Amino acid sequence: MKEARKEYKNGQNAKRVIASAKEKKQKECANDLNDSECQNEIFRMAKQMVKEKQDITGLKEHQGK
């Protein structure tokens, strides 16, 4: 039981570390919006978010033929 609690706490700590790293990176890019590299990165992230939110609308009709 104690081992499971340790693993849970380690997981919570890892989430905090990842969240703080993401926040730091977002603040850096927000400060450097005029920099073309950061603009490209922001557009790439937005495009990726749109793709993740899309529904699958159809499948190929002739699969396996």
PDB file of N, CA and C in Angstrom:
ATOM      1  N   MET A   1       0.825  -1.188   0.000  1.00  0.00           N
ATOM      2  CA  MET A   1       0.000   0.000   0.000  1.00  0.00           C
ATOM      3  C   MET A   1       0.871   1.255   0.000  1.00  0.00           C
ATOM      4  N   LYS A   2       1.937   1.226   0.764  1.00  0.00           N
ATOM      5  CA  LYS A   2       2.823   2.387   0.826  1.00  0.00           C
ATOM      6  C   LYS A   2       3.531   2.615  -0.506  1.00  0.00           C
ATOM      7  N   GLU A   3       3.866   1.505  -1.192  1.00  0.00           N
ATOM      8  CA  GLU A   3       4.523   1.627  -2.496  1.00  0.00           C
ATOM      9  C   GLU A   3       3.595   2.280  -3.512  1.00  0.00           C
ATOM     10  N   ALA A   4       2.336   1.904  -3.469  1.00  0.00           N
ATOM     11  CA  ALA A   4       1.363   2.483  -4.399  1.00  0.00           C
ATOM     12  C   ALA A   4       1.225   3.984  -4.126  1.00  0.00           C
ATOM     13  N   ARG A   5       1.221   4.356  -2.868  1.00  0.00           N
ATOM     14  CA  ARG A   5       1.110   5.777  -2.510  1.00  0.00           C
ATOM     15  C   ARG A   5       2.335   6.547  -2.994  1.00  0.00           C
ATOM     16  N   LYS A   6       3.522   5.961  -2.871  1.00  0.00           N
ATOM     17  CA  LYS A   6       4.741   6.605  -3.359  1.00  0.00           C
ATOM     18  C   LYS A   6       4.671   6.807  -4.868  1.00  0.00           C
ATOM     19  N   GLU A   7       4.226   5.784  -5.587  1.00  0.00           N
ATOM     20  CA  GLU A   7       4.099   5.896  -7.042  1.00  0.00           C
ATOM     21  C   GLU A   7       3.104   6.984  -7.410  1.00  0.00           C
ATOM     22  N   TYR A   8       2.006   7.053  -6.664  1.00  0.00           N
ATOM     23  CA  TYR A   8       1.000   8.091  -6.918  1.00  0.00           C
ATOM     24  C   TYR A   8       1.592   9.476  -6.692  1.00  0.00           C
ATOM     25  N   LYS A   9       2.311   9.655  -5.610  1.00  0.00           N
ATOM     26  CA  LYS A   9       2.924  10.954  -5.311  1.00  0.00           C
ATOM     27  C   LYS A   9       3.962  11.322  -6.367  1.00  0.00           C
ATOM     28  N   ASN A  10       4.748  10.347  -6.818  1.00  0.00           N
ATOM     29  CA  ASN A  10       5.729  10.604  -7.864  1.00  0.00           C
ATOM     30  C   ASN A  10       5.041  11.028  -9.153  1.00  0.00           C
ATOM     31  N   GLY A  11       3.931  10.419  -9.463  1.00  0.00           N
ATOM     32  CA  GLY A  11       3.166  10.782 -10.650  1.00  0.00           C
ATOM     33  C   GLY A  11       2.625  12.194 -10.548  1.00  0.00           C
ATOM     34  N   GLN A  12       2.145  12.566  -9.375  1.00  0.00           N
ATOM     35  CA  GLN A  12       1.634  13.920  -9.166  1.00  0.00           C
ATOM     36  C   GLN A  12       2.762  14.940  -9.312  1.00  0.00           C
ATOM     37  N   ASN A  13       3.922  14.616  -8.786  1.00  0.00           N
ATOM     38  CA  ASN A  13       5.071  15.508  -8.901  1.00  0.00           C
ATOM     39  C   ASN A  13       5.494  15.662 -10.353  1.00  0.00           C
ATOM     40  N   ALA A  14       5.467  14.574 -11.104  1.00  0.00           N
ATOM     41  CA  ALA A  14       5.846  14.613 -12.518  1.00  0.00           C
ATOM     42  C   ALA A  14       4.885  15.506 -13.290  1.00  0.00           C
ATOM     43  N   LYS A  15       3.599  15.427 -12.980  1.00  0.00           N
ATOM     44  CA  LYS A  15       2.611  16.274 -13.650  1.00  0.00           C
ATOM     45  C   LYS A  15       2.897  17.746 -13.379  1.00  0.00           C
ATOM     46  N   ARG A  16       3.281  18.062 -12.163  1.00  0.00           N
ATOM     47  CA  ARG A  16       3.588  19.458 -11.817  1.00  0.00           C
ATOM     48  C   ARG A  16       4.817  19.953 -12.573  1.00  0.00           C
ATOM     49  N   VAL A  17       5.818  19.108 -12.674  1.00  0.00           N
ATOM     50  CA  VAL A  17       7.044  19.481 -13.378  1.00  0.00           C
ATOM     51  C   VAL A  17       6.741  19.728 -14.855  1.00  0.00           C
ATOM     52  N   ILE A  18       5.966  18.856 -15.455  1.00  0.00           N
ATOM     53  CA  ILE A  18       5.612  19.007 -16.869  1.00  0.00           C
ATOM     54  C   ILE A  18       4.782  20.268 -17.077  1.00  0.00           C
ATOM     55  N   ALA A  19       3.831  20.511 -16.195  1.00  0.00           N
ATOM     56  CA  ALA A  19       2.983  21.698 -16.313  1.00  0.00           C
ATOM     57  C   ALA A  19       3.812  22.978 -16.190  1.00  0.00           C
ATOM     58  N   SER A  20       4.764  23.004 -15.276  1.00  0.00           N
ATOM     59  CA  SER A  20       5.582  24.207 -15.111  1.00  0.00           C
ATOM     60  C   SER A  20       6.506  24.410 -16.311  1.00  0.00           C
ATOM     61  N   ALA A  21       7.010  23.326 -16.898  1.00  0.00           N
ATOM     62  CA  ALA A  21       7.853  23.449 -18.089  1.00  0.00           C
ATOM     63  C   ALA A  21       7.040  23.968 -19.271  1.00  0.00           C
ATOM     64  N   LYS A  22       5.803  23.476 -19.428  1.00  0.00           N
ATOM     65  CA  LYS A  22       4.940  23.956 -20.505  1.00  0.00           C
ATOM     66  C   LYS A  22       4.625  25.433 -20.318  1.00  0.00           C
ATOM     67  N   GLU A  23       4.334  25.822 -19.087  1.00  0.00           N
ATOM     68  CA  GLU A  23       4.012  27.220 -18.808  1.00  0.00           C
ATOM     69  C   GLU A  23       5.199  28.122 -19.117  1.00  0.00           C
ATOM     70  N   LYS A  24       6.387  27.683 -18.751  1.00  0.00           N
ATOM     71  CA  LYS A  24       7.605  28.465 -19.016  1.00  0.00           C
ATOM     72  C   LYS A  24       7.803  28.649 -20.519  1.00  0.00           C
ATOM     73  N   LYS A  25       7.628  27.572 -21.296  1.00  0.00           N
ATOM     74  CA  LYS A  25       7.795  27.634 -22.747  1.00  0.00           C
ATOM     75  C   LYS A  25       6.751  28.550 -23.379  1.00  0.00           C
ATOM     76  N   GLN A  26       5.507  28.484 -22.892  1.00  0.00           N
ATOM     77  CA  GLN A  26       4.450  29.340 -23.419  1.00  0.00           C
ATOM     78  C   GLN A  26       4.745  30.810 -23.145  1.00  0.00           C
ATOM     79  N   LYS A  27       5.255  31.105 -21.961  1.00  0.00           N
ATOM     80  CA  LYS A  27       5.589  32.493 -21.629  1.00  0.00           C
ATOM     81  C   LYS A  27       6.736  33.002 -22.501  1.00  0.00           C
ATOM     82  N   GLU A  28       7.722  32.142 -22.777  1.00  0.00           N
ATOM     83  CA  GLU A  28       8.833  32.537 -23.641  1.00  0.00           C
ATOM     84  C   GLU A  28       8.334  32.879 -25.037  1.00  0.00           C
ATOM     85  N   CYS A  29       7.478  32.042 -25.581  1.00  0.00           N
ATOM     86  CA  CYS A  29       6.952  32.295 -26.924  1.00  0.00           C
ATOM     87  C   CYS A  29       6.019  33.500 -26.938  1.00  0.00           C
ATOM     88  N   ALA A  30       5.282  33.708 -25.868  1.00  0.00           N
ATOM     89  CA  ALA A  30       4.395  34.874 -25.805  1.00  0.00           C
ATOM     90  C   ALA A  30       5.212  36.158 -25.812  1.00  0.00           C
ATOM     91  N   ASN A  31       6.364  36.133 -25.185  1.00  0.00           N
ATOM     92  CA  ASN A  31       7.227  37.309 -25.157  1.00  0.00           C
ATOM     93  C   ASN A  31       7.917  37.538 -26.497  1.00  0.00           C
ATOM     94  N   ASP A  32       8.101  36.485 -27.259  1.00  0.00           N
ATOM     95  CA  ASP A  32       8.823  36.570 -28.532  1.00  0.00           C
ATOM     96  C   ASP A  32       7.906  36.356 -29.733  1.00  0.00           C
ATOM     97  N   LEU A  33       6.713  36.916 -29.710  1.00  0.00           N
ATOM     98  CA  LEU A  33       5.773  36.707 -30.815  1.00  0.00           C
ATOM     99  C   LEU A  33       6.281  37.266 -32.131  1.00  0.00           C
ATOM    100  N   ASN A  34       7.165  38.239 -32.085  1.00  0.00           N
ATOM    101  CA  ASN A  34       7.711  38.793 -33.313  1.00  0.00           C
ATOM    102  C   ASN A  34       8.767  37.880 -33.930  1.00  0.00           C
ATOM    103  N   ASP A  35       9.261  36.934 -33.172  1.00  0.00           N
ATOM    104  CA  ASP A  35      10.250  35.976 -33.660  1.00  0.00           C
ATOM    105  C   ASP A  35       9.552  34.943 -34.539  1.00  0.00           C
ATOM    106  N   SER A  36      10.027  34.766 -35.760  1.00  0.00           N
ATOM    107  CA  SER A  36       9.358  33.863 -36.704  1.00  0.00           C
ATOM    108  C   SER A  36       9.397  32.415 -36.233  1.00  0.00           C
ATOM    109  N   GLU A  37      10.436  32.009 -35.511  1.00  0.00           N
ATOM    110  CA  GLU A  37      10.525  30.627 -35.031  1.00  0.00           C
ATOM    111  C   GLU A  37       9.397  30.320 -34.048  1.00  0.00           C
ATOM    112  N   CYS A  38       9.148  31.244 -33.134  1.00  0.00           N
ATOM    113  CA  CYS A  38       8.072  31.035 -32.162  1.00  0.00           C
ATOM    114  C   CYS A  38       6.702  31.113 -32.837  1.00  0.00           C
ATOM    115  N   GLN A  39       6.561  31.981 -33.834  1.00  0.00           N
ATOM    116  CA  GLN A  39       5.289  32.050 -34.550  1.00  0.00           C
ATOM    117  C   GLN A  39       5.003  30.725 -35.242  1.00  0.00           C
ATOM    118  N   ASN A  40       6.020  30.161 -35.867  1.00  0.00           N
ATOM    119  CA  ASN A  40       5.844  28.869 -36.538  1.00  0.00           C
ATOM    120  C   ASN A  40       5.486  27.777 -35.541  1.00  0.00           C
ATOM    121  N   GLU A  41       6.094  27.821 -34.365  1.00  0.00           N
ATOM    122  CA  GLU A  41       5.811  26.818 -33.347  1.00  0.00           C
ATOM    123  C   GLU A  41       4.373  26.945 -32.843  1.00  0.00           C
ATOM    124  N   ILE A  42       3.901  28.176 -32.680  1.00  0.00           N
ATOM    125  CA  ILE A  42       2.532  28.401 -32.234  1.00  0.00           C
ATOM    126  C   ILE A  42       1.551  27.889 -33.279  1.00  0.00           C
ATOM    127  N   PHE A  43       1.807  28.180 -34.546  1.00  0.00           N
ATOM    128  CA  PHE A  43       0.934  27.696 -35.608  1.00  0.00           C
ATOM    129  C   PHE A  43       0.938  26.174 -35.673  1.00  0.00           C
ATOM    130  N   ARG A  44       2.098  25.565 -35.461  1.00  0.00           N
ATOM    131  CA  ARG A  44       2.212  24.108 -35.486  1.00  0.00           C
ATOM    132  C   ARG A  44       1.389  23.498 -34.345  1.00  0.00           C
ATOM    133  N   MET A  45       1.486  24.086 -33.157  1.00  0.00           N
ATOM    134  CA  MET A  45       0.726  23.576 -32.022  1.00  0.00           C
ATOM    135  C   MET A  45      -0.773  23.735 -32.255  1.00  0.00           C
ATOM    136  N   ALA A  46      -1.188  24.865 -32.820  1.00  0.00           N
ATOM    137  CA  ALA A  46      -2.611  25.091 -33.084  1.00  0.00           C
ATOM    138  C   ALA A  46      -3.128  24.089 -34.110  1.00  0.00           C
ATOM    139  N   LYS A  47      -2.339  23.827 -35.143  1.00  0.00           N
ATOM    140  CA  LYS A  47      -2.730  22.871 -36.175  1.00  0.00           C
ATOM    141  C   LYS A  47      -2.867  21.474 -35.572  1.00  0.00           C
ATOM    142  N   GLN A  48      -1.947  21.127 -34.691  1.00  0.00           N
ATOM    143  CA  GLN A  48      -1.995  19.822 -34.037  1.00  0.00           C
ATOM    144  C   GLN A  48      -3.239  19.715 -33.154  1.00  0.00           C
ATOM    145  N   MET A  49      -3.583  20.779 -32.448  1.00  0.00           N
ATOM    146  CA  MET A  49      -4.765  20.774 -31.602  1.00  0.00           C
ATOM    147  C   MET A  49      -6.035  20.599 -32.434  1.00  0.00           C
ATOM    148  N   VAL A  50      -6.092  21.239 -33.589  1.00  0.00           N
ATOM    149  CA  VAL A  50      -7.255  21.112 -34.456  1.00  0.00           C
ATOM    150  C   VAL A  50      -7.390  19.674 -34.938  1.00  0.00           C
ATOM    151  N   LYS A  51      -6.283  19.055 -35.326  1.00  0.00           N
ATOM    152  CA  LYS A  51      -6.320  17.667 -35.799  1.00  0.00           C
ATOM    153  C   LYS A  51      -6.785  16.722 -34.700  1.00  0.00           C
ATOM    154  N   GLU A  52      -6.353  16.968 -33.464  1.00  0.00           N
ATOM    155  CA  GLU A  52      -6.752  16.107 -32.359  1.00  0.00           C
ATOM    156  C   GLU A  52      -8.237  16.225 -32.061  1.00  0.00           C
ATOM    157  N   LYS A  53      -8.819  17.383 -32.313  1.00  0.00           N
ATOM    158  CA  LYS A  53     -10.227  17.621 -32.003  1.00  0.00           C
ATOM    159  C   LYS A  53     -11.166  17.179 -33.121  1.00  0.00           C
ATOM    160  N   GLN A  54     -10.630  16.870 -34.307  1.00  0.00           N
ATOM    161  CA  GLN A  54     -11.458  16.496 -35.451  1.00  0.00           C
ATOM    162  C   GLN A  54     -12.086  15.123 -35.247  1.00  0.00           C
ATOM    163  N   ASP A  55     -13.296  14.984 -35.765  1.00  0.00           N
ATOM    164  CA  ASP A  55     -13.957  13.690 -35.776  1.00  0.00           C
ATOM    165  C   ASP A  55     -13.585  12.962 -37.066  1.00  0.00           C
ATOM    166  N   ILE A  56     -13.583  11.672 -37.003  1.00  0.00           N
ATOM    167  CA  ILE A  56     -13.362  10.879 -38.208  1.00  0.00           C
ATOM    168  C   ILE A  56     -14.691  10.824 -38.935  1.00  0.00           C
ATOM    169  N   THR A  57     -14.714  11.331 -40.183  1.00  0.00           N
ATOM    170  CA  THR A  57     -15.978  11.484 -40.887  1.00  0.00           C
ATOM    171  C   THR A  57     -16.251  10.372 -41.875  1.00  0.00           C
ATOM    172  N   GLY A  58     -15.277   9.614 -42.252  1.00  0.00           N
ATOM    173  CA  GLY A  58     -15.553   8.558 -43.224  1.00  0.00           C
ATOM    174  C   GLY A  58     -14.388   7.607 -43.357  1.00  0.00           C
ATOM    175  N   LEU A  59     -14.692   6.443 -43.870  1.00  0.00           N
ATOM    176  CA  LEU A  59     -13.657   5.441 -44.123  1.00  0.00           C
ATOM    177  C   LEU A  59     -13.650   5.121 -45.598  1.00  0.00           C
ATOM    178  N   LYS A  60     -12.572   4.553 -46.068  1.00  0.00           N
ATOM    179  CA  LYS A  60     -12.513   4.146 -47.468  1.00  0.00           C
ATOM    180  C   LYS A  60     -13.526   3.036 -47.704  1.00  0.00           C
ATOM    181  N   GLU A  61     -14.239   3.152 -48.807  1.00  0.00           N
ATOM    182  CA  GLU A  61     -15.285   2.177 -49.095  1.00  0.00           C
ATOM    183  C   GLU A  61     -14.728   0.844 -49.568  1.00  0.00           C
ATOM    184  N   HIS A  62     -13.604   0.864 -50.226  1.00  0.00           N
ATOM    185  CA  HIS A  62     -13.084  -0.335 -50.868  1.00  0.00           C
ATOM    186  C   HIS A  62     -11.828  -0.844 -50.143  1.00  0.00           C
ATOM    187  N   GLN A  63     -11.893  -0.948 -48.844  1.00  0.00           N
ATOM    188  CA  GLN A  63     -10.737  -1.436 -48.131  1.00  0.00           C
ATOM    189  C   GLN A  63     -10.537  -2.925 -48.407  1.00  0.00           C
ATOM    190  N   GLY A  64      -9.309  -3.297 -48.637  1.00  0.00           N
ATOM    191  CA  GLY A  64      -8.967  -4.697 -48.840  1.00  0.00           C
ATOM    192  C   GLY A  64      -9.237  -5.238 -50.217  1.00  0.00           C
ATOM    193  N   LYS A  65      -9.672  -4.413 -51.126  1.00  0.00           N
ATOM    194  CA  LYS A  65      -9.933  -4.902 -52.489  1.00  0.00           C
ATOM    195  C   LYS A  65      -8.816  -4.531 -53.408  1.00  0.00           C
TER     196      LYS A  65
END
